[in-house]
Amino acid sequence: MAVRSATTALEALVTAYSMTFDADKAVRAFSRDFPPLAAKLRRALGLDEVPGAPAGYFQANLSDGSTGFFQRRADDCEQAAIATVVGLPMHRVPDLELHVNLFSSNDYEATLAAANATMCAWLAEHHITVRHHPTPPLTGKWIAVTGDLSGFNSHCLVMNGRDVLFDPASLAPGLPGLLGSDWREDFNVAMTIE
């Protein structure tokens, strides 16, 4: 019963989000309503919460034996994808809080600059290098950035070669992502992490 009610509420939320003509209002509503519904459904599906993390962080074993970390909100797919690729629990990777910062300032460029500075400092502190590639790598684990790169309308997928290994927006491994990204059509950037 809990799974059915959470699924119905989540489907209604995604439908309302995608059909709203006021994009700003839709993103704010989705950002507010998505986290509790996703957490409720992931708990009902029996997914593991990340040990030692605040409530709402979930993880699952992936087909390659690694651990995938699910995004908690509509704006933290990059945090989840990086955590999945480097093998660190998601709460150990900076939460860029893109929507919170954008909603409070309405300044896309300032929000992006602050997020980039935060992530670059963390990557340097952990001796992690991110390399951007104009074409998708043929082998290995990498992050595909899909969708419109303006206004935080993109999405990160964890790839293994040419296959989607994990979509942090999915409710559970093997289920399609909520954002319906087709990386081959929407591909913009490939990132490898060393």
Foldseek 3Di string as FASTA:
>chain_A
DQLVVLVVVVVVLLVCLVPDPPVLVSLVVQQVPVQVSLLSNLVVVVFDADPPDPPRWTWDQFPVRFIFTADRGPQCQVLRQVCRQVVHRSVVQDDLPLSVVCVVPVDQVVSVVSSVVRNVVVCVVVVKDKDKDADAAQAAWKWWWFDDPPPSGIHIFIDGRPHGRGGSQASDPPGDHSVPDDCVVGTGIIMDMD
